[in-house]
């Protein structure tokens, strides 16, 4: 079975999507860490999903939720910190090191 890339993505409206192939869920109200399956690619083509970034294989949705809580619900701050650690272009970190980026300017995602 082919290993699929992980991505941080969000729906373009207030609706949730469930990928029946992978079991991944795209939350209706926040970005989610999901695998980039044909289902997700189709939804991108239909403008139902926007990809925020490609992620390292060890990124998880639970970890993204932790970053979001630490950022008090600020998507920009959470995304910047999360991508500094798990983004495909992020610098490798030492084992056990917590490499979170400094907070960015505060702005909220669509309401």
PDB file of N, CA and C in Angstrom:
ATOM      1  N   UNK A   1       0.834  -1.180   0.000  1.00  0.00           N
ATOM      2  CA  UNK A   1       0.000   0.000   0.000  1.00  0.00           C
ATOM      3  C   UNK A   1       0.878   1.243   0.000  1.00  0.00           C
ATOM      4  N   UNK A   2       0.512   2.214  -0.836  1.00  0.00           N
ATOM      5  CA  UNK A   2       1.284   3.439  -0.958  1.00  0.00           C
ATOM      6  C   UNK A   2       1.098   4.323   0.278  1.00  0.00           C
ATOM      7  N   UNK A   3       2.196   4.860   0.774  1.00  0.00           N
ATOM      8  CA  UNK A   3       2.132   5.764   1.929  1.00  0.00           C
ATOM      9  C   UNK A   3       1.704   7.144   1.437  1.00  0.00           C
ATOM     10  N   UNK A   4       0.652   7.683   2.053  1.00  0.00           N
ATOM     11  CA  UNK A   4       0.123   8.980   1.651  1.00  0.00           C
ATOM     12  C   UNK A   4       0.730  10.090   2.488  1.00  0.00           C
ATOM     13  N   UNK A   5       0.911  11.242   1.839  1.00  0.00           N
ATOM     14  CA  UNK A   5       1.425  12.415   2.543  1.00  0.00           C
ATOM     15  C   UNK A   5       0.392  12.907   3.543  1.00  0.00           C
ATOM     16  N   UNK A   6       0.889  13.506   4.610  1.00  0.00           N
ATOM     17  CA  UNK A   6      -0.001  14.166   5.568  1.00  0.00           C
ATOM     18  C   UNK A   6      -0.019  15.652   5.244  1.00  0.00           C
ATOM     19  N   UNK A   7      -1.185  16.244   5.450  1.00  0.00           N
ATOM     20  CA  UNK A   7      -1.356  17.666   5.182  1.00  0.00           C
ATOM     21  C   UNK A   7      -2.174  18.307   6.296  1.00  0.00           C
ATOM     22  N   UNK A   8      -2.027  19.604   6.431  1.00  0.00           N
ATOM     23  CA  UNK A   8      -2.911  20.403   7.273  1.00  0.00           C
ATOM     24  C   UNK A   8      -3.880  21.062   6.304  1.00  0.00           C
ATOM     25  N   UNK A   9      -5.176  20.836   6.509  1.00  0.00           N
ATOM     26  CA  UNK A   9      -6.187  21.344   5.580  1.00  0.00           C
ATOM     27  C   UNK A   9      -7.425  21.780   6.346  1.00  0.00           C
ATOM     28  N   UNK A  10      -8.274  22.558   5.677  1.00  0.00           N
ATOM     29  CA  UNK A  10      -9.551  22.949   6.287  1.00  0.00           C
ATOM     30  C   UNK A  10     -10.625  22.993   5.213  1.00  0.00           C
ATOM     31  N   UNK A  11     -11.868  22.838   5.645  1.00  0.00           N
ATOM     32  CA  UNK A  11     -12.991  22.944   4.721  1.00  0.00           C
ATOM     33  C   UNK A  11     -13.224  24.418   4.406  1.00  0.00           C
ATOM     34  N   UNK A  12     -13.869  24.681   3.280  1.00  0.00           N
ATOM     35  CA  UNK A  12     -14.099  26.061   2.856  1.00  0.00           C
ATOM     36  C   UNK A  12     -15.407  26.627   3.400  1.00  0.00           C
ATOM     37  N   UNK A  13     -16.106  25.842   4.197  1.00  0.00           N
ATOM     38  CA  UNK A  13     -17.348  26.293   4.815  1.00  0.00           C
ATOM     39  C   UNK A  13     -17.523  25.627   6.160  1.00  0.00           C
ATOM     40  N   UNK A  14     -18.681  25.812   6.734  1.00  0.00           N
ATOM     41  CA  UNK A  14     -18.957  25.226   8.056  1.00  0.00           C
ATOM     42  C   UNK A  14     -19.557  23.836   7.887  1.00  0.00           C
ATOM     43  N   UNK A  15     -18.767  22.939   7.335  1.00  0.00           N
ATOM     44  CA  UNK A  15     -19.170  21.547   7.178  1.00  0.00           C
ATOM     45  C   UNK A  15     -17.972  20.652   7.439  1.00  0.00           C
ATOM     46  N   UNK A  16     -18.248  19.469   7.902  1.00  0.00           N
ATOM     47  CA  UNK A  16     -17.223  18.478   8.214  1.00  0.00           C
ATOM     48  C   UNK A  16     -17.174  17.464   7.080  1.00  0.00           C
ATOM     49  N   UNK A  17     -16.012  16.901   6.836  1.00  0.00           N
ATOM     50  CA  UNK A  17     -15.876  15.836   5.852  1.00  0.00           C
ATOM     51  C   UNK A  17     -15.220  14.630   6.510  1.00  0.00           C
ATOM     52  N   UNK A  18     -15.693  13.446   6.167  1.00  0.00           N
ATOM     53  CA  UNK A  18     -15.129  12.190   6.652  1.00  0.00           C
ATOM     54  C   UNK A  18     -14.622  11.415   5.451  1.00  0.00           C
ATOM     55  N   UNK A  19     -13.343  11.095   5.462  1.00  0.00           N
ATOM     56  CA  UNK A  19     -12.727  10.321   4.387  1.00  0.00           C
ATOM     57  C   UNK A  19     -12.930   8.844   4.689  1.00  0.00           C
ATOM     58  N   UNK A  20     -13.798   8.196   3.944  1.00  0.00           N
ATOM     59  CA  UNK A  20     -14.102   6.785   4.166  1.00  0.00           C
ATOM     60  C   UNK A  20     -12.923   5.872   3.913  1.00  0.00           C
ATOM     61  N   UNK A  21     -11.968   6.296   3.085  1.00  0.00           N
ATOM     62  CA  UNK A  21     -10.805   5.465   2.776  1.00  0.00           C
ATOM     63  C   UNK A  21      -9.824   5.420   3.949  1.00  0.00           C
ATOM     64  N   UNK A  22      -9.553   6.586   4.524  1.00  0.00           N
ATOM     65  CA  UNK A  22      -8.538   6.662   5.582  1.00  0.00           C
ATOM     66  C   UNK A  22      -9.137   6.749   6.981  1.00  0.00           C
ATOM     67  N   UNK A  23     -10.402   7.149   7.071  1.00  0.00           N
ATOM     68  CA  UNK A  23     -11.029   7.374   8.373  1.00  0.00           C
ATOM     69  C   UNK A  23     -10.727   8.746   8.947  1.00  0.00           C
ATOM     70  N   UNK A  24      -9.959   9.560   8.218  1.00  0.00           N
ATOM     71  CA  UNK A  24      -9.622  10.906   8.688  1.00  0.00           C
ATOM     72  C   UNK A  24     -10.844  11.811   8.616  1.00  0.00           C
ATOM     73  N   UNK A  25     -10.921  12.755   9.555  1.00  0.00           N
ATOM     74  CA  UNK A  25     -12.008  13.732   9.594  1.00  0.00           C
ATOM     75  C   UNK A  25     -11.449  15.131   9.399  1.00  0.00           C
ATOM     76  N   UNK A  26     -12.133  15.907   8.573  1.00  0.00           N
ATOM     77  CA  UNK A  26     -11.842  17.334   8.457  1.00  0.00           C
ATOM     78  C   UNK A  26     -12.896  18.055   9.272  1.00  0.00           C
ATOM     79  N   UNK A  27     -12.470  18.695  10.335  1.00  0.00           N
ATOM     80  CA  UNK A  27     -13.377  19.393  11.245  1.00  0.00           C
ATOM     81  C   UNK A  27     -14.033  20.578  10.535  1.00  0.00           C
ATOM     82  N   UNK A  28     -15.224  20.918  10.956  1.00  0.00           N
ATOM     83  CA  UNK A  28     -15.967  22.030  10.352  1.00  0.00           C
ATOM     84  C   UNK A  28     -15.454  23.396  10.791  1.00  0.00           C
ATOM     85  N   UNK A  29     -14.768  23.472  11.931  1.00  0.00           N
ATOM     86  CA  UNK A  29     -14.445  24.775  12.504  1.00  0.00           C
ATOM     87  C   UNK A  29     -12.960  25.017  12.752  1.00  0.00           C
ATOM     88  N   UNK A  30     -12.103  24.125  12.274  1.00  0.00           N
ATOM     89  CA  UNK A  30     -10.660  24.315  12.451  1.00  0.00           C
ATOM     90  C   UNK A  30      -9.908  23.487  11.416  1.00  0.00           C
ATOM     91  N   UNK A  31      -8.654  23.842  11.130  1.00  0.00           N
ATOM     92  CA  UNK A  31      -7.839  22.988  10.271  1.00  0.00           C
ATOM     93  C   UNK A  31      -7.638  21.623  10.924  1.00  0.00           C
ATOM     94  N   UNK A  32      -7.375  20.614  10.111  1.00  0.00           N
ATOM     95  CA  UNK A  32      -7.180  19.251  10.604  1.00  0.00           C
ATOM     96  C   UNK A  32      -5.985  18.618   9.901  1.00  0.00           C
ATOM     97  N   UNK A  33      -5.322  17.702  10.597  1.00  0.00           N
ATOM     98  CA  UNK A  33      -4.246  16.915  10.004  1.00  0.00           C
ATOM     99  C   UNK A  33      -4.883  15.664   9.405  1.00  0.00           C
ATOM    100  N   UNK A  34      -4.727  15.503   8.090  1.00  0.00           N
ATOM    101  CA  UNK A  34      -5.300  14.359   7.383  1.00  0.00           C
ATOM    102  C   UNK A  34      -4.291  13.836   6.368  1.00  0.00           C
ATOM    103  N   UNK A  35      -4.540  12.626   5.881  1.00  0.00           N
ATOM    104  CA  UNK A  35      -3.734  12.087   4.789  1.00  0.00           C
ATOM    105  C   UNK A  35      -4.287  12.607   3.466  1.00  0.00           C
ATOM    106  N   UNK A  36      -3.398  12.846   2.516  1.00  0.00           N
ATOM    107  CA  UNK A  36      -3.806  13.384   1.221  1.00  0.00           C
ATOM    108  C   UNK A  36      -4.221  12.234   0.305  1.00  0.00           C
ATOM    109  N   UNK A  37      -5.468  11.831   0.439  1.00  0.00           N
ATOM    110  CA  UNK A  37      -6.030  10.713  -0.320  1.00  0.00           C
ATOM    111  C   UNK A  37      -6.715  11.232  -1.586  1.00  0.00           C
ATOM    112  N   UNK A  38      -7.108  10.327  -2.481  1.00  0.00           N
ATOM    113  CA  UNK A  38      -7.900  10.753  -3.644  1.00  0.00           C
ATOM    114  C   UNK A  38      -9.179  11.496  -3.235  1.00  0.00           C
ATOM    115  N   UNK A  39      -9.798  11.091  -2.121  1.00  0.00           N
ATOM    116  CA  UNK A  39     -10.993  11.779  -1.622  1.00  0.00           C
ATOM    117  C   UNK A  39     -10.682  13.243  -1.333  1.00  0.00           C
ATOM    118  N   UNK A  40      -9.592  13.490  -0.616  1.00  0.00           N
ATOM    119  CA  UNK A  40      -9.204  14.863  -0.273  1.00  0.00           C
ATOM    120  C   UNK A  40      -8.869  15.635  -1.545  1.00  0.00           C
ATOM    121  N   UNK A  41      -8.115  15.018  -2.456  1.00  0.00           N
ATOM    122  CA  UNK A  41      -7.757  15.695  -3.704  1.00  0.00           C
ATOM    123  C   UNK A  41      -8.994  16.073  -4.511  1.00  0.00           C
ATOM    124  N   UNK A  42     -10.007  15.208  -4.525  1.00  0.00           N
ATOM    125  CA  UNK A  42     -11.258  15.514  -5.218  1.00  0.00           C
ATOM    126  C   UNK A  42     -11.940  16.711  -4.574  1.00  0.00           C
ATOM    127  N   UNK A  43     -11.959  16.746  -3.236  1.00  0.00           N
ATOM    128  CA  UNK A  43     -12.591  17.856  -2.522  1.00  0.00           C
ATOM    129  C   UNK A  43     -11.837  19.161  -2.754  1.00  0.00           C
ATOM    130  N   UNK A  44     -10.513  19.087  -2.911  1.00  0.00           N
ATOM    131  CA  UNK A  44      -9.733  20.282  -3.249  1.00  0.00           C
ATOM    132  C   UNK A  44     -10.183  20.784  -4.622  1.00  0.00           C
ATOM    133  N   UNK A  45     -10.324  19.859  -5.578  1.00  0.00           N
ATOM    134  CA  UNK A  45     -10.771  20.221  -6.923  1.00  0.00           C
ATOM    135  C   UNK A  45     -12.168  20.817  -6.958  1.00  0.00           C
ATOM    136  N   UNK A  46     -13.010  20.432  -6.009  1.00  0.00           N
ATOM    137  CA  UNK A  46     -14.375  20.957  -5.915  1.00  0.00           C
ATOM    138  C   UNK A  46     -14.449  22.223  -5.051  1.00  0.00           C
ATOM    139  N   UNK A  47     -13.290  22.727  -4.636  1.00  0.00           N
ATOM    140  CA  UNK A  47     -13.198  23.910  -3.762  1.00  0.00           C
ATOM    141  C   UNK A  47     -13.923  23.723  -2.433  1.00  0.00           C
ATOM    142  N   UNK A  48     -13.955  22.494  -1.936  1.00  0.00           N
ATOM    143  CA  UNK A  48     -14.533  22.216  -0.625  1.00  0.00           C
ATOM    144  C   UNK A  48     -13.459  22.135   0.456  1.00  0.00           C
ATOM    145  N   UNK A  49     -12.205  21.966   0.034  1.00  0.00           N
ATOM    146  CA  UNK A  49     -11.076  21.838   0.961  1.00  0.00           C
ATOM    147  C   UNK A  49      -9.923  22.691   0.449  1.00  0.00           C
ATOM    148  N   UNK A  50      -9.247  23.361   1.377  1.00  0.00           N
ATOM    149  CA  UNK A  50      -8.019  24.093   1.071  1.00  0.00           C
ATOM    150  C   UNK A  50      -6.880  23.463   1.859  1.00  0.00           C
ATOM    151  N   UNK A  51      -5.770  23.227   1.180  1.00  0.00           N
ATOM    152  CA  UNK A  51      -4.580  22.687   1.830  1.00  0.00           C
ATOM    153  C   UNK A  51      -3.765  23.848   2.381  1.00  0.00           C
ATOM    154  N   UNK A  52      -3.434  23.776   3.666  1.00  0.00           N
ATOM    155  CA  UNK A  52      -2.625  24.805   4.316  1.00  0.00           C
ATOM    156  C   UNK A  52      -1.145  24.502   4.101  1.00  0.00           C
ATOM    157  N   UNK A  53      -0.737  23.236   4.318  1.00  0.00           N
ATOM    158  CA  UNK A  53       0.673  22.868   4.194  1.00  0.00           C
ATOM    159  C   UNK A  53       0.839  21.356   4.174  1.00  0.00           C
ATOM    160  N   UNK A  54       1.966  20.911   3.605  1.00  0.00           N
ATOM    161  CA  UNK A  54       2.358  19.509   3.699  1.00  0.00           C
ATOM    162  C   UNK A  54       3.084  19.319   5.022  1.00  0.00           C
ATOM    163  N   UNK A  55       2.921  18.124   5.607  1.00  0.00           N
ATOM    164  CA  UNK A  55       3.467  17.858   6.937  1.00  0.00           C
ATOM    165  C   UNK A  55       4.400  16.657   6.941  1.00  0.00           C
ATOM    166  N   UNK A  56       5.203  16.588   7.991  1.00  0.00           N
ATOM    167  CA  UNK A  56       6.037  15.410   8.228  1.00  0.00           C
ATOM    168  C   UNK A  56       5.136  14.232   8.598  1.00  0.00           C
ATOM    169  N   UNK A  57       5.594  13.007   8.361  1.00  0.00           N
ATOM    170  CA  UNK A  57       4.760  11.823   8.627  1.00  0.00           C
ATOM    171  C   UNK A  57       4.334  11.655  10.077  1.00  0.00           C
ATOM    172  N   UNK A  58       5.079  12.212  11.029  1.00  0.00           N
ATOM    173  CA  UNK A  58       4.731  12.016  12.441  1.00  0.00           C
ATOM    174  C   UNK A  58       3.724  13.042  12.970  1.00  0.00           C
ATOM    175  N   UNK A  59       3.255  13.960  12.126  1.00  0.00           N
ATOM    176  CA  UNK A  59       2.245  14.938  12.551  1.00  0.00           C
ATOM    177  C   UNK A  59       0.913  14.237  12.800  1.00  0.00           C
ATOM    178  N   UNK A  60       0.208  14.665  13.854  1.00  0.00           N
ATOM    179  CA  UNK A  60      -1.108  14.091  14.162  1.00  0.00           C
ATOM    180  C   UNK A  60      -2.110  15.210  14.412  1.00  0.00           C
ATOM    181  N   UNK A  61      -3.377  14.883  14.228  1.00  0.00           N
ATOM    182  CA  UNK A  61      -4.427  15.858  14.497  1.00  0.00           C
ATOM    183  C   UNK A  61      -4.492  16.183  15.988  1.00  0.00           C
ATOM    184  N   UNK A  62      -4.288  15.186  16.826  1.00  0.00           N
ATOM    185  CA  UNK A  62      -4.302  15.418  18.277  1.00  0.00           C
ATOM    186  C   UNK A  62      -3.212  16.415  18.673  1.00  0.00           C
ATOM    187  N   UNK A  63      -2.063  16.319  18.038  1.00  0.00           N
ATOM    188  CA  UNK A  63      -0.977  17.256  18.327  1.00  0.00           C
ATOM    189  C   UNK A  63      -1.351  18.663  17.842  1.00  0.00           C
ATOM    190  N   UNK A  64      -2.005  18.756  16.689  1.00  0.00           N
ATOM    191  CA  UNK A  64      -2.458  20.070  16.214  1.00  0.00           C
ATOM    192  C   UNK A  64      -3.445  20.690  17.208  1.00  0.00           C
ATOM    193  N   UNK A  65      -4.362  19.887  17.717  1.00  0.00           N
ATOM    194  CA  UNK A  65      -5.336  20.377  18.702  1.00  0.00           C
ATOM    195  C   UNK A  65      -4.604  20.908  19.938  1.00  0.00           C
ATOM    196  N   UNK A  66      -3.539  20.226  20.349  1.00  0.00           N
ATOM    197  CA  UNK A  66      -2.751  20.697  21.500  1.00  0.00           C
ATOM    198  C   UNK A  66      -2.147  22.078  21.208  1.00  0.00           C
ATOM    199  N   UNK A  67      -1.587  22.242  20.021  1.00  0.00           N
ATOM    200  CA  UNK A  67      -1.016  23.538  19.643  1.00  0.00           C
ATOM    201  C   UNK A  67      -2.104  24.610  19.607  1.00  0.00           C
ATOM    202  N   UNK A  68      -3.285  24.262  19.110  1.00  0.00           N
ATOM    203  CA  UNK A  68      -4.390  25.215  19.032  1.00  0.00           C
ATOM    204  C   UNK A  68      -4.843  25.651  20.424  1.00  0.00           C
ATOM    205  N   UNK A  69      -4.891  24.707  21.364  1.00  0.00           N
ATOM    206  CA  UNK A  69      -5.262  25.052  22.745  1.00  0.00           C
ATOM    207  C   UNK A  69      -4.221  25.966  23.370  1.00  0.00           C
ATOM    208  N   UNK A  70      -2.940  25.675  23.145  1.00  0.00           N
ATOM    209  CA  UNK A  70      -1.871  26.510  23.694  1.00  0.00           C
ATOM    210  C   UNK A  70      -1.900  27.917  23.108  1.00  0.00           C
ATOM    211  N   UNK A  71      -2.446  28.052  21.892  1.00  0.00           N
ATOM    212  CA  UNK A  71      -2.546  29.358  21.231  1.00  0.00           C
ATOM    213  C   UNK A  71      -3.878  30.038  21.535  1.00  0.00           C
ATOM    214  N   UNK A  72      -4.620  29.509  22.506  1.00  0.00           N
ATOM    215  CA  UNK A  72      -5.923  30.066  22.896  1.00  0.00           C
ATOM    216  C   UNK A  72      -6.872  30.210  21.708  1.00  0.00           C
ATOM    217  N   UNK A  73      -6.836  29.228  20.808  1.00  0.00           N
ATOM    218  CA  UNK A  73      -7.760  29.208  19.679  1.00  0.00           C
ATOM    219  C   UNK A  73      -7.375  30.092  18.507  1.00  0.00           C
ATOM    220  N   UNK A  74      -6.216  30.723  18.561  1.00  0.00           N
ATOM    221  CA  UNK A  74      -5.762  31.585  17.466  1.00  0.00           C
ATOM    222  C   UNK A  74      -5.139  30.702  16.379  1.00  0.00           C
ATOM    223  N   UNK A  75      -5.815  30.605  15.239  1.00  0.00           N
ATOM    224  CA  UNK A  75      -5.358  29.708  14.177  1.00  0.00           C
ATOM    225  C   UNK A  75      -3.997  30.106  13.624  1.00  0.00           C
ATOM    226  N   UNK A  76      -3.755  31.408  13.449  1.00  0.00           N
ATOM    227  CA  UNK A  76      -2.476  31.838  12.890  1.00  0.00           C
ATOM    228  C   UNK A  76      -1.308  31.453  13.788  1.00  0.00           C
ATOM    229  N   UNK A  77      -1.457  31.677  15.076  1.00  0.00           N
ATOM    230  CA  UNK A  77      -0.400  31.327  16.029  1.00  0.00           C
ATOM    231  C   UNK A  77      -0.208  29.812  16.064  1.00  0.00           C
ATOM    232  N   UNK A  78      -1.305  29.073  16.138  1.00  0.00           N
ATOM    233  CA  UNK A  78      -1.222  27.608  16.173  1.00  0.00           C
ATOM    234  C   UNK A  78      -0.582  27.077  14.899  1.00  0.00           C
ATOM    235  N   UNK A  79      -0.997  27.597  13.748  1.00  0.00           N
ATOM    236  CA  UNK A  79      -0.442  27.123  12.479  1.00  0.00           C
ATOM    237  C   UNK A  79       1.049  27.399  12.395  1.00  0.00           C
ATOM    238  N   UNK A  80       1.456  28.607  12.761  1.00  0.00           N
ATOM    239  CA  UNK A  80       2.876  28.949  12.686  1.00  0.00           C
ATOM    240  C   UNK A  80       3.711  28.038  13.588  1.00  0.00           C
ATOM    241  N   UNK A  81       3.264  27.843  14.809  1.00  0.00           N
ATOM    242  CA  UNK A  81       3.995  26.991  15.750  1.00  0.00           C
ATOM    243  C   UNK A  81       4.009  25.539  15.286  1.00  0.00           C
ATOM    244  N   UNK A  82       2.847  25.048  14.854  1.00  0.00           N
ATOM    245  CA  UNK A  82       2.734  23.659  14.419  1.00  0.00           C
ATOM    246  C   UNK A  82       3.598  23.409  13.183  1.00  0.00           C
ATOM    247  N   UNK A  83       3.559  24.326  12.222  1.00  0.00           N
ATOM    248  CA  UNK A  83       4.345  24.146  11.002  1.00  0.00           C
ATOM    249  C   UNK A  83       5.841  24.288  11.259  1.00  0.00           C
ATOM    250  N   UNK A  84       6.220  25.072  12.265  1.00  0.00           N
ATOM    251  CA  UNK A  84       7.637  25.162  12.624  1.00  0.00           C
ATOM    252  C   UNK A  84       8.150  23.811  13.102  1.00  0.00           C
ATOM    253  N   UNK A  85       7.268  23.028  13.673  1.00  0.00           N
ATOM    254  CA  UNK A  85       7.653  21.714  14.199  1.00  0.00           C
ATOM    255  C   UNK A  85       7.396  20.588  13.203  1.00  0.00           C
ATOM    256  N   UNK A  86       6.239  20.609  12.541  1.00  0.00           N
ATOM    257  CA  UNK A  86       5.821  19.481  11.707  1.00  0.00           C
ATOM    258  C   UNK A  86       5.725  19.786  10.218  1.00  0.00           C
ATOM    259  N   UNK A  87       5.933  21.024   9.822  1.00  0.00           N
ATOM    260  CA  UNK A  87       5.886  21.357   8.400  1.00  0.00           C
ATOM    261  C   UNK A  87       6.983  20.628   7.645  1.00  0.00           C
ATOM    262  N   UNK A  88       6.744  20.348   6.388  1.00  0.00           N
ATOM    263  CA  UNK A  88       7.689  19.581   5.582  1.00  0.00           C
ATOM    264  C   UNK A  88       9.048  20.279   5.507  1.00  0.00           C
ATOM    265  N   UNK A  89       9.073  21.605   5.623  1.00  0.00           N
ATOM    266  CA  UNK A  89      10.320  22.367   5.560  1.00  0.00           C
ATOM    267  C   UNK A  89      10.891  22.696   6.931  1.00  0.00           C
ATOM    268  N   UNK A  90      10.272  22.178   7.992  1.00  0.00           N
ATOM    269  CA  UNK A  90      10.737  22.474   9.352  1.00  0.00           C
ATOM    270  C   UNK A  90      12.103  21.848   9.594  1.00  0.00           C
ATOM    271  N   UNK A  91      12.881  22.515  10.411  1.00  0.00           N
ATOM    272  CA  UNK A  91      14.198  22.002  10.784  1.00  0.00           C
ATOM    273  C   UNK A  91      14.034  20.770  11.664  1.00  0.00           C
ATOM    274  N   UNK A  92      14.892  19.766  11.489  1.00  0.00           N
ATOM    275  CA  UNK A  92      14.820  18.602  12.388  1.00  0.00           C
ATOM    276  C   UNK A  92      15.131  19.019  13.821  1.00  0.00           C
ATOM    277  N   UNK A  93      14.465  18.372  14.781  1.00  0.00           N
ATOM    278  CA  UNK A  93      14.686  18.697  16.190  1.00  0.00           C
ATOM    279  C   UNK A  93      15.334  17.519  16.886  1.00  0.00           C
ATOM    280  N   UNK A  94      16.004  17.813  17.977  1.00  0.00           N
ATOM    281  CA  UNK A  94      16.605  16.765  18.797  1.00  0.00           C
ATOM    282  C   UNK A  94      15.497  15.977  19.480  1.00  0.00           C
ATOM    283  N   UNK A  95      15.728  14.715  19.755  1.00  0.00           N
ATOM    284  CA  UNK A  95      14.723  13.890  20.435  1.00  0.00           C
ATOM    285  C   UNK A  95      14.354  14.520  21.763  1.00  0.00           C
ATOM    286  N   UNK A  96      13.055  14.665  21.999  1.00  0.00           N
ATOM    287  CA  UNK A  96      12.577  15.225  23.253  1.00  0.00           C
ATOM    288  C   UNK A  96      12.556  16.740  23.303  1.00  0.00           C
ATOM    289  N   UNK A  97      13.132  17.390  22.304  1.00  0.00           N
ATOM    290  CA  UNK A  97      13.163  18.848  22.285  1.00  0.00           C
ATOM    291  C   UNK A  97      11.808  19.369  21.824  1.00  0.00           C
ATOM    292  N   UNK A  98      11.299  20.383  22.488  1.00  0.00           N
ATOM    293  CA  UNK A  98      10.013  20.969  22.125  1.00  0.00           C
ATOM    294  C   UNK A  98      10.283  22.235  21.325  1.00  0.00           C
ATOM    295  N   UNK A  99      10.206  22.127  20.004  1.00  0.00           N
ATOM    296  CA  UNK A  99      10.546  23.244  19.122  1.00  0.00           C
ATOM    297  C   UNK A  99       9.298  23.966  18.651  1.00  0.00           C
ATOM    298  N   UNK A 100       8.789  24.860  19.479  1.00  0.00           N
ATOM    299  CA  UNK A 100       7.624  25.645  19.083  1.00  0.00           C
ATOM    300  C   UNK A 100       8.086  27.046  18.711  1.00  0.00           C
ATOM    301  N   UNK A 101       7.522  27.568  17.645  1.00  0.00           N
ATOM    302  CA  UNK A 101       7.891  28.901  17.176  1.00  0.00           C
ATOM    303  C   UNK A 101       7.260  29.971  18.059  1.00  0.00           C
ATOM    304  N   UNK A 102       7.825  31.153  17.990  1.00  0.00           N
ATOM    305  CA  UNK A 102       7.248  32.286  18.719  1.00  0.00           C
ATOM    306  C   UNK A 102       5.909  32.647  18.095  1.00  0.00           C
ATOM    307  N   UNK A 103       4.969  33.126  18.885  1.00  0.00           N
ATOM    308  CA  UNK A 103       3.652  33.474  18.358  1.00  0.00           C
ATOM    309  C   UNK A 103       3.722  34.544  17.275  1.00  0.00           C
ATOM    310  N   UNK A 104       2.844  34.421  16.290  1.00  0.00           N
ATOM    311  CA  UNK A 104       2.730  35.402  15.216  1.00  0.00           C
ATOM    312  C   UNK A 104       1.693  36.450  15.601  1.00  0.00           C
ATOM    313  N   UNK A 105       1.494  37.404  14.730  1.00  0.00           N
ATOM    314  CA  UNK A 105       0.444  38.396  14.951  1.00  0.00           C
ATOM    315  C   UNK A 105      -0.895  37.688  15.035  1.00  0.00           C
ATOM    316  N   UNK A 106      -1.709  38.087  15.965  1.00  0.00           N
ATOM    317  CA  UNK A 106      -2.987  37.421  16.223  1.00  0.00           C
ATOM    318  C   UNK A 106      -4.054  37.816  15.214  1.00  0.00           C
ATOM    319  N   UNK A 107      -4.579  36.814  14.513  1.00  0.00           N
ATOM    320  CA  UNK A 107      -5.738  36.981  13.632  1.00  0.00           C
ATOM    321  C   UNK A 107      -6.523  35.688  13.684  1.00  0.00           C
ATOM    322  N   UNK A 108      -7.803  35.773  13.566  1.00  0.00           N
ATOM    323  CA  UNK A 108      -8.659  34.589  13.591  1.00  0.00           C
ATOM    324  C   UNK A 108      -9.064  34.212  12.177  1.00  0.00           C
ATOM    325  N   UNK A 109      -9.247  32.912  11.945  1.00  0.00           N
ATOM    326  CA  UNK A 109      -9.730  32.391  10.675  1.00  0.00           C
ATOM    327  C   UNK A 109     -11.189  32.766  10.498  1.00  0.00           C
ATOM    328  N   UNK A 110     -11.693  32.595   9.312  1.00  0.00           N
ATOM    329  CA  UNK A 110     -13.069  32.978   8.965  1.00  0.00           C
ATOM    330  C   UNK A 110     -14.065  32.658  10.066  1.00  0.00           C
ATOM    331  N   UNK A 111     -15.091  33.469  10.189  1.00  0.00           N
ATOM    332  CA  UNK A 111     -16.097  33.235  11.231  1.00  0.00           C
ATOM    333  C   UNK A 111     -17.317  32.557  10.672  1.00  0.00           C
TER     334      UNK A 111
END
